[in-house]
Amino acid sequence: MHDRQPLKPMEAAFLADVCKALAHPARVRILKHLLDENRCICGSIVDILPLAQSTVSQHLKILKDAGLVRGEVEGRKTCYCADRELLSRFNGFIEAMLRQSEGRVCP
């Protein structure tokens, strides 16, 4: 039998914040691009999306605020990368919830 403990409030808040930040297709695409490139300048993110620079910047801010993306100023540009450690933590919580509910089937 699996240990079915409820999520702690801080864990639930963390999961909700990450899910909220990923709740827009453009932000999912930005995160995927950053993971694929492992390092990216904002200008090249604009090139992969049919969005204005200001809109991409707003999406990057939301991802940064949630901790999914880190930005480092390099001269006049900012280099962004995905925070793989935070994503691993998020993945661990999701996997734990799935393990705890193994064998259950929704009618």
Protein backbone atom coordinates (compact mmCIF):
# COMPACT_ATOMS: atom_id res chain seq x y z
CA MET A 1 0.00 0.00 0.00
CA HIS A 2 1.18 3.53 -0.81
CA ASP A 3 1.58 6.28 1.72
CA ARG A 4 -1.21 8.75 0.85
CA GLN A 5 -0.26 11.91 2.64
CA PRO A 6 -1.82 15.22 1.64
CA LEU A 7 0.36 17.89 0.11
CA LYS A 8 1.67 20.41 2.57
CA PRO A 9 0.35 23.96 2.02
CA MET A 10 3.75 25.21 0.77
CA GLU A 11 4.02 22.28 -1.67
CA ALA A 12 0.51 22.94 -2.98
CA ALA A 13 1.28 26.65 -3.36
CA PHE A 14 4.50 25.85 -5.22
CA LEU A 15 2.69 23.52 -7.63
CA ALA A 16 -0.10 26.05 -8.17
CA ASP A 17 2.37 28.87 -8.88
CA VAL A 18 4.25 26.81 -11.45
CA CYS A 19 1.04 25.63 -13.10
CA LYS A 20 -0.26 29.19 -13.22
CA ALA A 21 2.95 30.38 -14.87
CA LEU A 22 2.66 27.61 -17.47
CA ALA A 23 -1.02 28.31 -18.13
CA HIS A 24 -0.35 30.08 -21.42
CA PRO A 25 0.81 28.33 -24.61
CA ALA A 26 3.38 31.05 -25.37
CA ARG A 27 5.04 30.53 -21.96
CA VAL A 28 5.13 26.77 -22.52
CA ARG A 29 6.80 27.37 -25.89
CA ILE A 30 9.30 29.80 -24.37
CA LEU A 31 10.22 27.31 -21.64
CA LYS A 32 10.60 24.49 -24.18
CA HIS A 33 12.82 26.70 -26.34
CA LEU A 34 15.00 27.59 -23.35
CA LEU A 35 15.31 23.92 -22.41
CA ASP A 36 16.25 23.00 -25.99
CA GLU A 37 18.80 25.80 -26.34
CA ASN A 38 19.97 25.65 -22.71
CA ARG A 39 20.73 29.37 -23.01
CA CYS A 40 18.99 32.02 -25.04
CA ILE A 41 18.96 35.74 -25.73
CA CYS A 42 15.52 37.34 -25.62
CA GLY A 43 15.72 38.41 -29.26
CA SER A 44 15.85 34.82 -30.47
CA ILE A 45 12.78 34.00 -28.39
CA VAL A 46 10.91 36.71 -30.26
CA ASP A 47 11.98 35.03 -33.50
CA ILE A 48 10.20 31.76 -32.62
CA LEU A 49 6.91 33.36 -31.55
CA PRO A 50 4.48 35.51 -33.50
CA LEU A 51 4.45 38.02 -30.64
CA ALA A 52 5.77 41.51 -30.08
CA GLN A 53 8.97 41.97 -28.07
CA SER A 54 6.98 43.61 -25.25
CA THR A 55 4.60 40.63 -25.05
CA VAL A 56 7.48 38.15 -24.95
CA SER A 57 9.06 40.24 -22.18
CA GLN A 58 5.82 40.07 -20.17
CA HIS A 59 5.72 36.28 -20.56
CA LEU A 60 9.37 36.02 -19.52
CA LYS A 61 8.64 38.11 -16.43
CA ILE A 62 5.86 35.72 -15.40
CA LEU A 63 8.16 32.73 -15.90
CA LYS A 64 10.92 34.48 -13.93
CA ASP A 65 8.56 35.42 -11.10
CA ALA A 66 7.56 31.75 -10.79
CA GLY A 67 11.23 30.75 -10.71
CA LEU A 68 11.04 28.75 -13.94
CA VAL A 69 13.45 31.04 -15.78
CA ARG A 70 16.56 32.92 -14.72
CA GLY A 71 17.89 35.97 -16.53
CA GLU A 72 21.43 37.29 -16.61
CA VAL A 73 22.33 40.68 -18.03
CA GLU A 74 25.08 40.50 -20.64
CA GLY A 75 25.86 43.98 -21.89
CA ARG A 76 22.65 45.44 -23.32
CA LYS A 77 20.94 42.07 -23.59
CA THR A 78 19.56 39.61 -21.09
CA CYS A 79 20.38 35.94 -21.43
CA TYR A 80 17.64 33.65 -20.18
CA CYS A 81 17.79 29.99 -19.17
CA ALA A 82 15.36 27.49 -17.69
CA ASP A 83 15.83 26.59 -14.04
CA ARG A 84 16.19 22.82 -14.37
CA GLU A 85 16.44 22.34 -10.59
CA LEU A 86 13.03 23.96 -10.05
CA LEU A 87 11.56 21.90 -12.90
CA SER A 88 12.95 18.71 -11.33
CA ARG A 89 11.37 19.67 -8.01
CA PHE A 90 8.03 20.29 -9.76
CA ASN A 91 8.34 16.96 -11.57
CA GLY A 92 9.08 15.19 -8.28
CA PHE A 93 5.86 16.45 -6.70
CA ILE A 94 3.83 15.39 -9.74
CA GLU A 95 5.44 11.94 -9.79
CA ALA A 96 4.80 11.53 -6.05
CA MET A 97 1.12 12.38 -6.52
CA LEU A 98 0.87 9.86 -9.35
CA ARG A 99 2.59 7.14 -7.32
CA GLN A 100 0.26 7.77 -4.39
CA SER A 101 -2.76 7.31 -6.60
CA GLU A 102 -1.53 4.19 -8.48
CA GLY A 103 -4.20 1.62 -9.05
CA ARG A 104 -7.05 4.06 -8.72
CA VAL A 105 -9.29 4.35 -11.74
CA CYS A 106 -11.80 7.07 -12.44
CA PRO A 107 -15.17 5.50 -13.26
